[in-house]
Amino acid sequence: MRMILRAYGRAVMAQLRRKMLWQSASPVLLSLVLWAVLLRLGFGPLVDTVQAWFAAHDGFKFSGVALDWLGLGAFKAVIVPLLAMWLMLPLMIVTALLFIGAIAMPAVVRFCAERHFGQLEQRRGGSFFGGLWTALYSFAIFVLLWLATLPFSALLPLAITLQASLLAWLTARVMSYDALALHASAAERRLLQRRHRWPLFFIGLCTGLLGSVPALLWLGGPLAFVLFPLLAALAIFLYVLVFNFTGLWFSYYCLQALQQYRQESEAQISESPQISESPIMAQQLEPQTIAPQAIARPAETPQGAGAAGSDSNP
């Protein structure tokens, strides 16, 4: 928990810096331009498709009964455009997330590393396309689960909890990859994602609650449909800010976890016994010395033999 709070404090201070605020501008502008074109070209056909599906499957009858039972009869007239807006919401989320990951996240990681982790070695265990693939297939799973939870949107507390949990899972997978791609090796990244999966999910849950705030704009009933272009722009802006702060929080936590892991690994290596410290190996490697007693001396002749030899001489 201490690491999470330390990373949170650093992320808050970094988010308030002018550099980080300007860094959020380009993803916001790109998202706004993209969605202005998509809403202009695709929102009308999407509403027509949803309305045709409702008419073919008695959707108006069942939705009217359900809304009356929930006391939300005022939503009957705008249920089709509201449902179309809810269907577009996941696409807005992934747009903001992809733009943050592709444009802002590398700069965020470099900013965090330069300020607090300047000595951390860059092992480049990730890549741009690896991060893109992780984001796309994680988002595909996210969309399926999001569609499955749409019937609970009328129950506000449950809807917020489900949306926050889904965003927590999505952001934990995507942001942790991007945060570790530059400095960690592939093996280190997988190990840290597995070892710290619950702290990463907790960070994603906290930011997921923040990410659920823009979704509340869609619960304005008929007024939300009237102000849809303005609310869509505001939601995109909020999503970009939330994901930018999320990138800072994940970057600080992941880099701190990576630094701690490498320090622990180096400490274990330094404390492991060296080969030369083994008594047997030390005895084998010790230079061979010759004892003074083993130095060769002239052979001593026995006194008796020497005397006999001297007597035999003339």
Protein backbone atom coordinates (compact mmCIF):
# COMPACT_ATOMS: atom_id res chain seq x y z
CA MET A 1 0.00 0.00 0.00
CA ARG A 2 2.91 2.35 0.66
CA MET A 3 4.11 1.97 -2.91
CA ILE A 4 0.61 2.70 -4.22
CA LEU A 5 0.28 5.87 -2.13
CA ARG A 6 3.76 7.07 -3.04
CA ALA A 7 3.04 6.58 -6.73
CA TYR A 8 -0.31 8.35 -6.31
CA GLY A 9 1.31 11.39 -4.67
CA ARG A 10 3.91 11.64 -7.41
CA ALA A 11 1.22 11.29 -10.10
CA VAL A 12 -0.89 14.09 -8.57
CA MET A 13 2.06 16.45 -8.45
CA ALA A 14 3.07 15.58 -12.01
CA GLN A 15 -0.49 15.99 -13.36
CA LEU A 16 -0.58 19.57 -12.08
CA ARG A 17 2.54 20.52 -14.03
CA ARG A 18 2.08 22.61 -17.14
CA LYS A 19 3.98 20.10 -19.25
CA MET A 20 1.51 17.34 -18.43
CA LEU A 21 -1.50 19.58 -19.07
CA TRP A 22 -0.18 20.57 -22.49
CA GLN A 23 0.64 16.94 -23.18
CA SER A 24 -3.06 16.10 -22.80
CA ALA A 25 -4.01 18.64 -25.47
CA SER A 26 -3.01 16.62 -28.55
CA PRO A 27 -4.94 13.44 -27.61
CA VAL A 28 -7.99 15.61 -26.78
CA LEU A 29 -7.88 17.42 -30.11
CA LEU A 30 -7.36 14.23 -32.10
CA SER A 31 -10.23 12.52 -30.29
CA LEU A 32 -12.55 15.48 -30.81
CA VAL A 33 -11.80 15.68 -34.53
CA LEU A 34 -12.23 11.94 -34.98
CA TRP A 35 -15.51 11.81 -33.11
CA ALA A 36 -16.88 14.91 -34.81
CA VAL A 37 -16.51 13.06 -38.11
CA LEU A 38 -17.86 9.76 -36.75
CA LEU A 39 -20.91 11.37 -35.16
CA ARG A 40 -21.61 13.32 -38.30
CA LEU A 41 -21.47 10.24 -40.49
CA GLY A 42 -22.47 7.37 -38.23
CA PHE A 43 -24.80 8.42 -35.43
CA GLY A 44 -27.92 8.75 -37.62
CA PRO A 45 -27.50 5.32 -39.25
CA LEU A 46 -26.80 3.78 -35.84
CA VAL A 47 -30.05 5.20 -34.42
CA ASP A 48 -31.95 3.89 -37.46
CA THR A 49 -30.41 0.43 -36.98
CA VAL A 50 -31.33 0.29 -33.29
CA GLN A 51 -34.86 1.49 -34.03
CA ALA A 52 -35.33 -1.13 -36.75
CA TRP A 53 -34.11 -3.84 -34.36
CA PHE A 54 -36.56 -2.62 -31.68
CA ALA A 55 -39.44 -2.65 -34.16
CA ALA A 56 -38.59 -6.16 -35.37
CA HIS A 57 -38.22 -7.70 -31.92
CA ASP A 58 -40.94 -5.89 -29.90
CA GLY A 59 -38.25 -3.92 -28.14
CA PHE A 60 -40.50 -0.93 -27.52
CA LYS A 61 -43.04 -3.11 -25.70
CA PHE A 62 -40.54 -4.81 -23.40
CA SER A 63 -38.52 -1.64 -22.75
CA GLY A 64 -41.72 0.28 -21.97
CA VAL A 65 -42.81 -2.33 -19.41
CA ALA A 66 -39.35 -2.36 -17.83
CA LEU A 67 -39.12 1.43 -17.65
CA ASP A 68 -42.60 1.69 -16.13
CA TRP A 69 -41.65 -0.89 -13.51
CA LEU A 70 -38.54 1.12 -12.66
CA GLY A 71 -40.45 4.40 -12.59
CA LEU A 72 -38.56 5.75 -15.61
CA GLY A 73 -41.47 6.21 -18.01
CA ALA A 74 -40.04 9.53 -19.27
CA PHE A 75 -37.29 7.59 -21.03
CA LYS A 76 -39.69 5.81 -23.41
CA ALA A 77 -39.54 8.52 -26.05
CA VAL A 78 -35.74 8.59 -26.19
CA ILE A 79 -34.84 5.01 -25.37
CA VAL A 80 -33.51 4.32 -28.88
CA PRO A 81 -31.10 7.31 -29.16
CA LEU A 82 -30.00 6.80 -25.54
CA LEU A 83 -29.19 3.17 -26.26
CA ALA A 84 -27.27 4.24 -29.37
CA MET A 85 -25.30 6.69 -27.23
CA TRP A 86 -24.47 3.93 -24.73
CA LEU A 87 -23.30 1.72 -27.60
CA MET A 88 -20.89 4.45 -28.74
CA LEU A 89 -19.49 5.04 -25.26
CA PRO A 90 -17.03 2.10 -25.31
CA LEU A 91 -15.64 3.36 -28.60
CA MET A 92 -15.04 6.77 -27.03
CA ILE A 93 -13.22 5.09 -24.17
CA VAL A 94 -10.94 3.04 -26.38
CA THR A 95 -10.24 6.07 -28.58
CA ALA A 96 -9.02 8.07 -25.60
CA LEU A 97 -7.06 5.07 -24.31
CA LEU A 98 -5.36 4.37 -27.65
CA PHE A 99 -4.42 8.00 -28.18
CA ILE A 100 -3.00 8.23 -24.67
CA GLY A 101 -1.07 4.98 -25.14
CA ALA A 102 0.29 5.93 -28.57
CA ILE A 103 0.99 9.64 -28.07
CA ALA A 104 1.18 10.52 -24.40
CA MET A 105 2.32 7.35 -22.65
CA PRO A 106 5.91 7.24 -23.99
CA ALA A 107 6.41 10.85 -22.92
CA VAL A 108 4.81 10.10 -19.53
CA VAL A 109 7.19 7.18 -18.91
CA ARG A 110 10.22 9.24 -19.91
CA PHE A 111 9.08 12.09 -17.66
CA CYS A 112 8.70 9.78 -14.65
CA ALA A 113 12.02 8.02 -15.33
CA GLU A 114 13.99 11.26 -15.71
CA ARG A 115 12.66 12.70 -12.48
CA HIS A 116 12.88 9.69 -10.16
CA PHE A 117 14.42 6.66 -11.92
CA GLY A 118 17.35 8.07 -13.87
CA GLN A 119 19.63 5.09 -13.09
CA LEU A 120 17.13 2.46 -14.23
CA GLU A 121 18.43 0.49 -17.21
CA GLN A 122 16.30 0.41 -20.35
CA ARG A 123 15.93 -3.19 -21.53
CA ARG A 124 13.10 -2.52 -24.04
CA GLY A 125 11.01 -5.64 -23.48
CA GLY A 126 7.97 -4.14 -25.22
CA SER A 127 7.18 -2.39 -28.49
CA PHE A 128 4.59 -0.10 -30.03
CA PHE A 129 2.91 -2.94 -31.91
CA GLY A 130 2.98 -5.14 -28.82
CA GLY A 131 1.20 -2.43 -26.87
CA LEU A 132 -1.28 -1.92 -29.73
CA TRP A 133 -2.05 -5.65 -29.86
CA THR A 134 -2.51 -5.78 -26.08
CA ALA A 135 -4.87 -2.81 -26.21
CA LEU A 136 -6.94 -4.18 -29.11
CA TYR A 137 -7.56 -7.69 -27.85
CA SER A 138 -8.14 -6.45 -24.30
CA PHE A 139 -10.65 -3.96 -25.67
CA ALA A 140 -12.44 -6.72 -27.61
CA ILE A 141 -12.99 -8.61 -24.36
CA PHE A 142 -13.98 -5.36 -22.66
CA VAL A 143 -16.66 -4.62 -25.29
CA LEU A 144 -18.25 -8.05 -24.91
CA LEU A 145 -18.47 -7.66 -21.15
CA TRP A 146 -19.68 -4.07 -21.52
CA LEU A 147 -22.56 -5.14 -23.76
CA ALA A 148 -23.46 -7.88 -21.30
CA THR A 149 -23.80 -5.30 -18.50
CA LEU A 150 -25.96 -2.80 -20.45
CA PRO A 151 -29.23 -4.11 -18.93
CA PHE A 152 -27.97 -3.00 -15.50
CA SER A 153 -27.51 0.62 -16.60
CA ALA A 154 -30.84 1.63 -15.06
CA LEU A 155 -29.53 0.62 -11.61
CA LEU A 156 -27.05 3.43 -11.03
CA PRO A 157 -24.94 1.98 -8.16
CA LEU A 158 -24.60 -1.41 -9.85
CA ALA A 159 -23.87 0.20 -13.22
CA ILE A 160 -21.06 2.33 -11.77
CA THR A 161 -19.55 -0.70 -9.98
CA LEU A 162 -19.59 -2.86 -13.11
CA GLN A 163 -18.20 -0.11 -15.33
CA ALA A 164 -15.45 0.68 -12.82
CA SER A 165 -14.47 -3.00 -12.56
CA LEU A 166 -14.30 -3.41 -16.33
CA LEU A 167 -12.25 -0.23 -16.72
CA ALA A 168 -9.97 -1.40 -13.91
CA TRP A 169 -9.22 -4.63 -15.74
CA LEU A 170 -8.73 -2.87 -19.07
CA THR A 171 -6.49 -0.09 -17.80
CA ALA A 172 -4.40 -2.46 -15.66
CA ARG A 173 -3.58 -4.60 -18.69
CA VAL A 174 -2.93 -1.78 -21.13
CA MET A 175 -1.20 0.75 -18.86
CA SER A 176 1.09 -1.72 -17.13
CA TYR A 177 2.38 -2.93 -20.51
CA ASP A 178 3.05 0.62 -21.69
CA ALA A 179 4.66 1.61 -18.39
CA LEU A 180 7.14 -1.29 -18.47
CA ALA A 181 7.74 -1.55 -22.21
CA LEU A 182 10.80 0.73 -22.26
CA HIS A 183 12.67 -0.24 -19.08
CA ALA A 184 11.75 -3.87 -18.36
CA SER A 185 12.63 -6.96 -20.33
CA ALA A 186 9.81 -9.17 -21.54
CA ALA A 187 10.40 -11.65 -18.71
CA GLU A 188 10.52 -8.89 -16.10
CA ARG A 189 7.32 -7.34 -17.45
CA ARG A 190 5.39 -10.61 -17.29
CA LEU A 191 6.73 -11.37 -13.82
CA LEU A 192 5.83 -7.94 -12.43
CA GLN A 193 2.38 -7.97 -14.02
CA ARG A 194 1.73 -11.33 -12.38
CA ARG A 195 3.30 -10.48 -9.02
CA HIS A 196 1.59 -7.08 -8.71
CA ARG A 197 -1.72 -7.94 -10.38
CA TRP A 198 -3.85 -6.97 -7.36
CA PRO A 199 -2.14 -3.61 -6.70
CA LEU A 200 -2.41 -2.90 -10.42
CA PHE A 201 -6.10 -3.83 -10.35
CA PHE A 202 -6.61 -1.56 -7.34
CA ILE A 203 -5.03 1.37 -9.18
CA GLY A 204 -7.18 0.55 -12.19
CA LEU A 205 -10.27 0.38 -9.97
CA CYS A 206 -9.59 3.81 -8.48
CA THR A 207 -9.06 5.32 -11.90
CA GLY A 208 -12.01 3.30 -13.20
CA LEU A 209 -14.25 5.09 -10.72
CA LEU A 210 -12.92 8.34 -12.14
CA GLY A 211 -13.54 6.96 -15.61
CA SER A 212 -17.17 6.27 -14.74
CA VAL A 213 -17.79 9.97 -14.13
CA PRO A 214 -18.07 10.85 -17.86
CA ALA A 215 -20.55 7.99 -18.28
CA LEU A 216 -22.88 9.76 -15.84
CA LEU A 217 -23.39 12.43 -18.50
CA TRP A 218 -25.35 9.82 -20.46
CA LEU A 219 -27.92 9.47 -17.66
CA GLY A 220 -29.50 12.85 -18.21
CA GLY A 221 -32.55 11.44 -19.98
CA PRO A 222 -34.03 13.49 -22.82
CA LEU A 223 -31.71 16.38 -21.97
CA ALA A 224 -28.69 14.16 -22.65
CA PHE A 225 -30.00 13.49 -26.15
CA VAL A 226 -30.55 17.18 -26.86
CA LEU A 227 -27.06 18.11 -25.61
CA PHE A 228 -25.40 15.03 -27.04
CA PRO A 229 -22.66 16.80 -29.13
CA LEU A 230 -21.63 18.95 -26.17
CA LEU A 231 -21.76 16.03 -23.73
CA ALA A 232 -19.75 13.86 -26.12
CA ALA A 233 -16.98 16.48 -26.36
CA LEU A 234 -16.98 16.92 -22.57
CA ALA A 235 -16.86 13.14 -22.03
CA ILE A 236 -13.90 12.76 -24.41
CA PHE A 237 -12.05 15.58 -22.64
CA LEU A 238 -12.65 13.98 -19.23
CA TYR A 239 -11.61 10.54 -20.46
CA VAL A 240 -8.32 11.89 -21.80
CA LEU A 241 -7.56 13.66 -18.51
CA VAL A 242 -8.43 10.56 -16.50
CA PHE A 243 -6.30 8.28 -18.68
CA ASN A 244 -3.39 10.73 -18.62
CA PHE A 245 -3.43 10.71 -14.81
CA THR A 246 -3.84 6.94 -14.93
CA GLY A 247 -0.71 6.69 -17.08
CA LEU A 248 1.25 8.72 -14.54
CA TRP A 249 0.05 6.59 -11.63
CA PHE A 250 0.81 3.31 -13.39
CA SER A 251 4.19 4.56 -14.61
CA TYR A 252 5.36 5.59 -11.17
CA TYR A 253 4.16 2.37 -9.56
CA CYS A 254 5.54 0.04 -12.25
CA LEU A 255 8.94 1.73 -12.42
CA GLN A 256 9.17 1.67 -8.64
CA ALA A 257 8.29 -2.04 -8.62
CA LEU A 258 10.87 -2.72 -11.33
CA GLN A 259 13.59 -0.86 -9.43
CA GLN A 260 12.78 -2.75 -6.24
CA TYR A 261 12.82 -6.09 -8.08
CA ARG A 262 16.24 -5.44 -9.60
CA GLN A 263 17.66 -4.32 -6.26
CA GLU A 264 16.40 -7.52 -4.63
CA SER A 265 17.87 -9.61 -7.46
CA GLU A 266 21.26 -7.92 -7.16
CA ALA A 267 21.24 -8.39 -3.38
CA GLN A 268 20.53 -12.11 -3.76
CA ILE A 269 23.36 -12.48 -6.26
CA SER A 270 25.85 -10.66 -4.02
CA GLU A 271 24.86 -12.75 -1.00
CA SER A 272 25.16 -16.09 -2.79
CA PRO A 273 28.37 -18.09 -1.89
CA GLN A 274 31.26 -17.75 -4.30
CA ILE A 275 32.98 -20.81 -5.74
CA SER A 276 36.34 -19.87 -4.27
CA GLU A 277 34.87 -19.80 -0.80
CA SER A 278 34.23 -23.54 -0.84
CA PRO A 279 36.80 -25.33 1.41
CA ILE A 280 37.29 -28.16 -1.06
CA MET A 281 37.76 -25.84 -4.04
CA ALA A 282 40.05 -23.59 -2.00
CA GLN A 283 42.23 -26.59 -1.15
CA GLN A 284 42.36 -27.59 -4.81
CA LEU A 285 43.17 -24.09 -5.98
CA GLU A 286 45.84 -23.47 -3.28
CA PRO A 287 49.35 -23.37 -4.80
CA GLN A 288 51.42 -26.45 -4.20
CA THR A 289 54.33 -25.71 -1.82
CA ILE A 290 57.20 -27.99 -1.05
CA ALA A 291 57.99 -28.53 2.58
CA PRO A 292 61.59 -27.94 3.64
CA GLN A 293 61.88 -31.53 4.86
CA ALA A 294 61.01 -32.80 1.40
CA ILE A 295 64.01 -31.10 -0.26
CA ALA A 296 66.34 -33.73 -1.67
CA ARG A 297 69.54 -34.30 0.34
CA PRO A 298 72.64 -36.45 -0.41
CA ALA A 299 72.11 -40.03 0.63
CA GLU A 300 73.74 -40.81 3.93
CA THR A 301 76.04 -43.82 3.89
CA PRO A 302 75.91 -46.13 6.91
CA GLN A 303 78.96 -45.92 9.15
CA GLY A 304 79.67 -49.63 9.00
CA ALA A 305 79.60 -49.75 5.23
CA GLY A 306 81.82 -46.72 5.06
CA ALA A 307 84.39 -48.23 7.40
CA ALA A 308 84.47 -51.51 5.52
CA GLY A 309 84.97 -49.71 2.32
CA SER A 310 87.86 -47.69 3.75
CA ASP A 311 89.54 -50.84 5.12
CA SER A 312 89.39 -52.56 1.77
CA ASN A 313 91.34 -49.76 0.12
CA PRO A 314 95.10 -50.26 -0.07
